[in-house]
Amino acid sequence: MPQAGDLASAQAFCRTVAARHYENFTVATRLVPAHLRQHLANVYAFARWSDDLADEAASSAAAADGLAAWRRGLEACFAGRPEHPVYVALAETVRHSDLKIEPFADLLSAFEEDQAFDARQVAVRYPDRAALLEYCRRSANPVGRIVLGLEGCHDPELVAMSDSICTALQLVNFWQDVKRDRRAGRVYLPAADLQRHGLDETDLDAASASRALRALLQEEVAWAGTLFDRGAPLVERGPALLRPAIRMFLAGGRAVARAIERCDHDTLRTRPTVGRFEKLRLAWGAWWELQVLSFAGTR
């Protein structure tokens, strides 16, 4: 780990963390303007380090202590006193973009919530959609807000569109992974929705989804779809050089939703995925659009 205060080494450290933990990081960063790539690495390294503190600690108590210390480090970073290499690099991003602490603190609170569930030995449960949306507000939406902020975009209407896309992306990921999450002790289907369809958590242990569960998942995917629709205007109204990436993530989320639909919403029998060709097509389209915009000098 580099010495605190060495910006170049800290930035290289963040790039390494990002590349090591996210195999598509190099591809993803090619879909944003070159001047943002290091900043994205810094932001990703912050989120990755936070997640590792929560997931890789020797005990729940150690995880809670680590996250508390990491939060103090975040506060010191925004006060101009970064210590950890991730915060040294992130401080430069903050200076560059005038980012506020709130979305970073929200991300940390989501990690702390996950850990609190584990510490109480209570599996993750959400009583209704409002509670699940509150979790998404802190675990998913800050990412979009930070990325918009990197391009100086803080317009409330555009931020709300970004929130809708980020929440929808997280929701379709939940519906894609119902079986995997259940095995890990996590249920993201709201309890009120399960009850309304005459279901309980034991129905998630079956080898394949019942008709009632498929009907519920169809409803949940449609809910995510309305959020994608609500955020879709951001593709045309967001910062110009971010539009290719926004378009790709929106299309990718809709592709996951279609994959769930193709398996008749039975995500217990099989985990629906987006094919490699489809991923490449989306990435190539976004990359080409960025080249055109960059060549034209559009901002």
Protein backbone atom coordinates (compact mmCIF):
# COMPACT_ATOMS: atom_id res chain seq x y z
CA MET A 1 0.00 0.00 0.00
CA PRO A 2 1.41 3.44 -0.90
CA GLN A 3 2.35 6.01 1.68
CA ALA A 4 -0.35 8.49 2.64
CA GLY A 5 0.03 11.82 0.87
CA ASP A 6 1.54 10.45 -2.36
CA LEU A 7 -1.21 11.32 -4.85
CA ALA A 8 0.21 9.51 -7.87
CA SER A 9 0.74 6.31 -5.91
CA ALA A 10 -2.69 6.63 -4.32
CA GLN A 11 -4.33 6.98 -7.73
CA ALA A 12 -2.44 3.95 -9.04
CA PHE A 13 -3.56 2.04 -5.96
CA CYS A 14 -7.21 2.89 -6.70
CA ARG A 15 -6.84 1.77 -10.32
CA THR A 16 -5.40 -1.52 -9.09
CA VAL A 17 -8.22 -2.05 -6.59
CA ALA A 18 -10.80 -1.34 -9.27
CA ALA A 19 -9.21 -3.60 -11.88
CA ARG A 20 -8.64 -6.43 -9.39
CA HIS A 21 -12.21 -6.51 -8.14
CA TYR A 22 -14.11 -5.60 -11.28
CA GLU A 23 -13.02 -7.52 -14.35
CA ASN A 24 -14.94 -5.20 -16.69
CA PHE A 25 -13.55 -2.00 -15.17
CA THR A 26 -11.29 -1.25 -18.14
CA VAL A 27 -14.19 -1.71 -20.55
CA ALA A 28 -16.53 0.36 -18.39
CA THR A 29 -14.12 3.26 -18.08
CA ARG A 30 -13.78 3.40 -21.86
CA LEU A 31 -17.44 4.41 -21.97
CA VAL A 32 -16.86 7.68 -20.09
CA PRO A 33 -14.73 10.70 -20.97
CA ALA A 34 -11.00 10.18 -20.40
CA HIS A 35 -10.82 12.98 -17.84
CA LEU A 36 -13.24 11.09 -15.57
CA ARG A 37 -11.59 7.65 -15.62
CA GLN A 38 -9.25 8.17 -12.68
CA HIS A 39 -12.04 9.76 -10.68
CA LEU A 40 -14.26 6.75 -11.35
CA ALA A 41 -11.46 4.48 -10.18
CA ASN A 42 -11.20 6.52 -6.96
CA VAL A 43 -14.94 6.30 -6.35
CA TYR A 44 -15.03 2.58 -7.13
CA ALA A 45 -12.09 1.93 -4.81
CA PHE A 46 -13.95 3.70 -2.00
CA ALA A 47 -17.04 1.54 -2.52
CA ARG A 48 -15.01 -1.67 -2.89
CA TRP A 49 -12.96 -1.00 0.22
CA SER A 50 -16.14 -0.25 2.17
CA ASP A 51 -17.72 -3.50 1.01
CA ASP A 52 -14.63 -5.52 1.90
CA LEU A 53 -14.58 -4.03 5.40
CA ALA A 54 -18.14 -5.26 5.86
CA ASP A 55 -17.75 -8.69 4.25
CA GLU A 56 -14.21 -9.82 5.01
CA ALA A 57 -13.81 -8.94 8.68
CA ALA A 58 -13.17 -11.76 11.15
CA SER A 59 -16.38 -11.00 13.07
CA SER A 60 -19.43 -8.78 13.00
CA ALA A 61 -17.91 -6.64 15.75
CA ALA A 62 -14.69 -6.24 13.78
CA ALA A 63 -16.70 -5.26 10.68
CA ALA A 64 -18.65 -2.66 12.64
CA ASP A 65 -15.43 -1.22 14.08
CA GLY A 66 -13.80 -1.16 10.65
CA LEU A 67 -16.75 0.63 9.05
CA ALA A 68 -16.87 3.15 11.90
CA ALA A 69 -13.18 3.93 11.41
CA TRP A 70 -13.70 4.13 7.65
CA ARG A 71 -16.53 6.64 8.19
CA ARG A 72 -14.20 8.77 10.31
CA GLY A 73 -11.71 8.57 7.46
CA LEU A 74 -14.40 9.78 5.04
CA GLU A 75 -15.15 12.75 7.27
CA ALA A 76 -11.44 13.56 7.51
CA CYS A 77 -11.16 13.31 3.71
CA PHE A 78 -13.89 15.89 3.20
CA ALA A 79 -12.30 18.06 5.87
CA GLY A 80 -9.10 18.11 3.82
CA ARG A 81 -7.15 15.64 6.00
CA PRO A 82 -7.11 12.36 3.99
CA GLU A 83 -4.98 9.57 5.41
CA HIS A 84 -5.73 6.26 3.68
CA PRO A 85 -4.52 6.09 0.03
CA VAL A 86 -8.10 5.67 -1.20
CA TYR A 87 -9.01 8.90 0.56
CA VAL A 88 -5.91 10.68 -0.72
CA ALA A 89 -7.07 9.92 -4.27
CA LEU A 90 -10.71 10.61 -3.48
CA ALA A 91 -9.82 14.01 -2.00
CA GLU A 92 -8.49 15.02 -5.41
CA THR A 93 -11.77 13.90 -6.97
CA VAL A 94 -13.68 15.97 -4.42
CA ARG A 95 -11.56 19.02 -5.22
CA HIS A 96 -12.03 18.46 -8.94
CA SER A 97 -15.81 18.12 -8.87
CA ASP A 98 -16.91 19.82 -5.66
CA LEU A 99 -18.67 16.63 -4.60
CA LYS A 100 -20.52 16.57 -1.30
CA ILE A 101 -20.12 13.96 1.41
CA GLU A 102 -23.77 12.87 1.47
CA PRO A 103 -23.78 10.23 -1.31
CA PHE A 104 -20.60 8.66 0.08
CA ALA A 105 -22.06 8.65 3.59
CA ASP A 106 -25.26 7.11 2.24
CA LEU A 107 -23.29 4.28 0.64
CA LEU A 108 -21.56 3.63 3.94
CA SER A 109 -24.88 3.57 5.77
CA ALA A 110 -26.11 0.85 3.40
CA PHE A 111 -23.02 -1.25 4.12
CA GLU A 112 -23.57 -0.62 7.84
CA GLU A 113 -27.19 -1.73 7.50
CA ASP A 114 -26.11 -4.97 5.85
CA GLN A 115 -23.65 -5.56 8.66
CA ALA A 116 -26.18 -4.70 11.34
CA PHE A 117 -28.47 -7.42 10.02
CA ASP A 118 -25.59 -9.88 10.22
CA ALA A 119 -24.54 -8.73 13.68
CA ARG A 120 -28.07 -9.32 15.01
CA GLN A 121 -28.10 -12.66 13.20
CA VAL A 122 -31.25 -11.54 11.43
CA ALA A 123 -31.49 -12.19 7.72
CA VAL A 124 -32.22 -9.27 5.43
CA ARG A 125 -35.97 -8.63 5.12
CA TYR A 126 -38.02 -5.66 3.92
CA PRO A 127 -41.65 -5.31 5.03
CA ASP A 128 -42.85 -3.30 2.03
CA ARG A 129 -41.72 -1.50 -1.09
CA ALA A 130 -41.13 1.76 0.76
CA ALA A 131 -38.54 0.08 2.99
CA LEU A 132 -36.84 -1.53 -0.01
CA LEU A 133 -36.77 1.80 -1.85
CA GLU A 134 -35.16 3.43 1.17
CA TYR A 135 -32.39 0.84 1.04
CA CYS A 136 -31.93 1.44 -2.70
CA ARG A 137 -31.80 5.18 -2.03
CA ARG A 138 -28.65 4.63 -0.01
CA SER A 139 -27.12 1.59 -1.73
CA ALA A 140 -27.72 2.31 -5.44
CA ASN A 141 -28.75 5.90 -6.06
CA PRO A 142 -25.56 7.52 -4.66
CA VAL A 143 -23.54 5.97 -7.49
CA GLY A 144 -25.51 7.80 -10.15
CA ARG A 145 -25.46 11.01 -8.16
CA ILE A 146 -21.68 10.85 -7.81
CA VAL A 147 -21.15 10.16 -11.52
CA LEU A 148 -23.41 13.06 -12.50
CA GLY A 149 -21.57 15.23 -9.99
CA LEU A 150 -18.26 14.43 -11.65
CA GLU A 151 -19.58 16.34 -14.68
CA GLY A 152 -20.99 19.13 -12.51
CA CYS A 153 -24.60 18.01 -12.91
CA HIS A 154 -26.71 18.63 -9.80
CA ASP A 155 -30.04 19.51 -11.43
CA PRO A 156 -32.75 18.01 -9.16
CA GLU A 157 -34.86 16.79 -12.07
CA LEU A 158 -31.93 15.02 -13.72
CA VAL A 159 -30.77 13.59 -10.39
CA ALA A 160 -34.27 12.17 -9.86
CA MET A 161 -34.06 10.47 -13.27
CA SER A 162 -30.69 9.00 -12.31
CA ASP A 163 -32.18 7.75 -9.03
CA SER A 164 -34.94 5.98 -10.94
CA ILE A 165 -32.47 4.20 -13.22
CA CYS A 166 -30.16 3.19 -10.36
CA THR A 167 -33.02 1.88 -8.24
CA ALA A 168 -34.45 -0.06 -11.19
CA LEU A 169 -31.04 -1.60 -11.91
CA GLN A 170 -30.80 -2.81 -8.33
CA LEU A 171 -34.34 -4.15 -8.38
CA VAL A 172 -33.88 -6.23 -11.54
CA ASN A 173 -30.69 -7.59 -9.99
CA PHE A 174 -32.71 -8.64 -6.95
CA TRP A 175 -35.36 -10.34 -9.11
CA GLN A 176 -32.66 -12.05 -11.16
CA ASP A 177 -31.03 -13.46 -8.02
CA VAL A 178 -34.00 -14.50 -5.88
CA LYS A 179 -32.63 -18.04 -5.46
CA ARG A 180 -29.03 -16.98 -4.81
CA ASP A 181 -30.08 -14.35 -2.26
CA ARG A 182 -32.41 -16.78 -0.50
CA ARG A 183 -29.55 -19.24 -0.06
CA ALA A 184 -27.50 -16.41 1.48
CA GLY A 185 -30.31 -15.63 3.93
CA ARG A 186 -31.50 -12.54 2.09
CA VAL A 187 -35.03 -11.88 0.81
CA TYR A 188 -35.56 -8.67 -1.13
CA LEU A 189 -39.12 -9.42 -2.20
CA PRO A 190 -41.20 -7.17 0.09
CA ALA A 191 -43.14 -9.16 2.68
CA ALA A 192 -46.35 -7.30 1.85
CA ASP A 193 -46.04 -8.30 -1.81
CA LEU A 194 -45.43 -11.94 -0.89
CA GLN A 195 -48.47 -11.94 1.38
CA ARG A 196 -50.67 -10.28 -1.25
CA HIS A 197 -49.91 -13.19 -3.58
CA GLY A 198 -50.51 -15.79 -0.87
CA LEU A 199 -46.80 -16.63 -0.57
CA ASP A 200 -44.26 -16.87 2.18
CA GLU A 201 -40.49 -17.23 2.24
CA THR A 202 -40.59 -21.02 2.13
CA ASP A 203 -41.97 -20.77 -1.41
CA LEU A 204 -38.54 -19.46 -2.41
CA ASP A 205 -36.95 -22.80 -1.49
CA ALA A 206 -38.68 -24.74 -4.28
CA ALA A 207 -36.82 -26.05 -7.32
CA SER A 208 -39.00 -23.92 -9.58
CA ALA A 209 -41.36 -21.01 -9.08
CA SER A 210 -45.05 -21.60 -8.55
CA ARG A 211 -47.62 -19.80 -10.68
CA ALA A 212 -48.21 -17.35 -7.82
CA LEU A 213 -44.51 -16.59 -7.47
CA ARG A 214 -44.13 -16.09 -11.21
CA ALA A 215 -47.06 -13.68 -11.09
CA LEU A 216 -45.38 -11.78 -8.27
CA LEU A 217 -42.07 -11.57 -10.12
CA GLN A 218 -43.87 -10.41 -13.25
CA GLU A 219 -45.34 -7.61 -11.15
CA GLU A 220 -41.97 -6.74 -9.62
CA VAL A 221 -40.24 -6.66 -13.03
CA ALA A 222 -43.01 -4.38 -14.32
CA TRP A 223 -42.41 -2.11 -11.31
CA ALA A 224 -38.73 -1.88 -12.21
CA GLY A 225 -39.78 -1.17 -15.79
CA THR A 226 -41.79 1.88 -14.74
CA LEU A 227 -38.70 3.19 -12.97
CA PHE A 228 -36.57 2.63 -16.07
CA ASP A 229 -39.19 4.57 -18.07
CA ARG A 230 -39.14 7.39 -15.53
CA GLY A 231 -35.36 7.69 -15.80
CA ALA A 232 -35.08 7.19 -19.57
CA PRO A 233 -35.13 10.91 -20.51
CA LEU A 234 -31.73 11.22 -18.83
CA VAL A 235 -30.24 9.56 -21.91
CA GLU A 236 -31.05 12.71 -23.90
CA ARG A 237 -30.90 15.31 -21.14
CA GLY A 238 -27.90 14.27 -19.04
CA PRO A 239 -24.35 15.58 -19.53
CA ALA A 240 -23.56 14.90 -23.18
CA LEU A 241 -20.39 12.85 -22.66
CA LEU A 242 -22.10 10.68 -20.05
CA ARG A 243 -25.05 9.85 -22.29
CA PRO A 244 -23.45 6.81 -23.96
CA ALA A 245 -22.80 5.19 -20.57
CA ILE A 246 -26.27 6.12 -19.31
CA ARG A 247 -27.80 4.64 -22.46
CA MET A 248 -25.80 1.43 -22.04
CA PHE A 249 -26.72 0.90 -18.38
CA LEU A 250 -30.38 1.65 -19.08
CA ALA A 251 -30.39 -0.79 -22.01
CA GLY A 252 -28.50 -3.37 -19.95
CA GLY A 253 -31.05 -3.17 -17.14
CA ARG A 254 -33.91 -3.56 -19.59
CA ALA A 255 -32.09 -6.55 -21.11
CA VAL A 256 -31.97 -8.24 -17.69
CA ALA A 257 -35.71 -7.60 -17.31
CA ARG A 258 -36.34 -9.21 -20.72
CA ALA A 259 -34.20 -12.19 -19.72
CA ILE A 260 -36.40 -12.68 -16.65
CA GLU A 261 -39.48 -12.47 -18.84
CA ARG A 262 -38.07 -15.03 -21.28
CA CYS A 263 -37.76 -17.64 -18.52
CA ASP A 264 -41.41 -16.99 -17.60
CA HIS A 265 -40.24 -15.24 -14.40
CA ASP A 266 -39.03 -18.53 -12.94
CA THR A 267 -35.77 -17.36 -11.39
CA LEU A 268 -35.75 -20.31 -9.02
CA ARG A 269 -35.28 -22.81 -11.83
CA THR A 270 -32.64 -20.79 -13.66
CA ARG A 271 -30.75 -17.54 -13.25
CA PRO A 272 -31.59 -15.42 -16.30
CA THR A 273 -28.62 -13.66 -17.85
CA VAL A 274 -27.83 -11.33 -20.72
CA GLY A 275 -25.85 -13.06 -23.47
CA ARG A 276 -22.28 -12.14 -24.26
CA PHE A 277 -23.21 -10.94 -27.76
CA GLU A 278 -25.85 -8.62 -26.34
CA LYS A 279 -23.37 -7.20 -23.82
CA LEU A 280 -20.79 -6.61 -26.54
CA ARG A 281 -23.38 -4.97 -28.76
CA LEU A 282 -24.40 -2.57 -26.01
CA ALA A 283 -20.81 -1.75 -25.08
CA TRP A 284 -19.75 -1.24 -28.70
CA GLY A 285 -22.70 1.08 -29.35
CA ALA A 286 -21.92 3.16 -26.28
CA TRP A 287 -18.22 3.33 -27.10
CA TRP A 288 -18.89 4.43 -30.68
CA GLU A 289 -21.34 7.10 -29.54
CA LEU A 290 -18.72 8.45 -27.13
CA GLN A 291 -16.14 8.64 -29.93
CA VAL A 292 -18.53 10.62 -32.10
CA LEU A 293 -19.35 13.02 -29.28
CA SER A 294 -15.70 13.43 -28.32
CA PHE A 295 -14.68 14.07 -31.93
CA ALA A 296 -17.41 16.68 -32.27
CA GLY A 297 -16.26 18.35 -29.07
CA THR A 298 -19.75 18.04 -27.58
CA ARG A 299 -20.24 18.86 -23.92
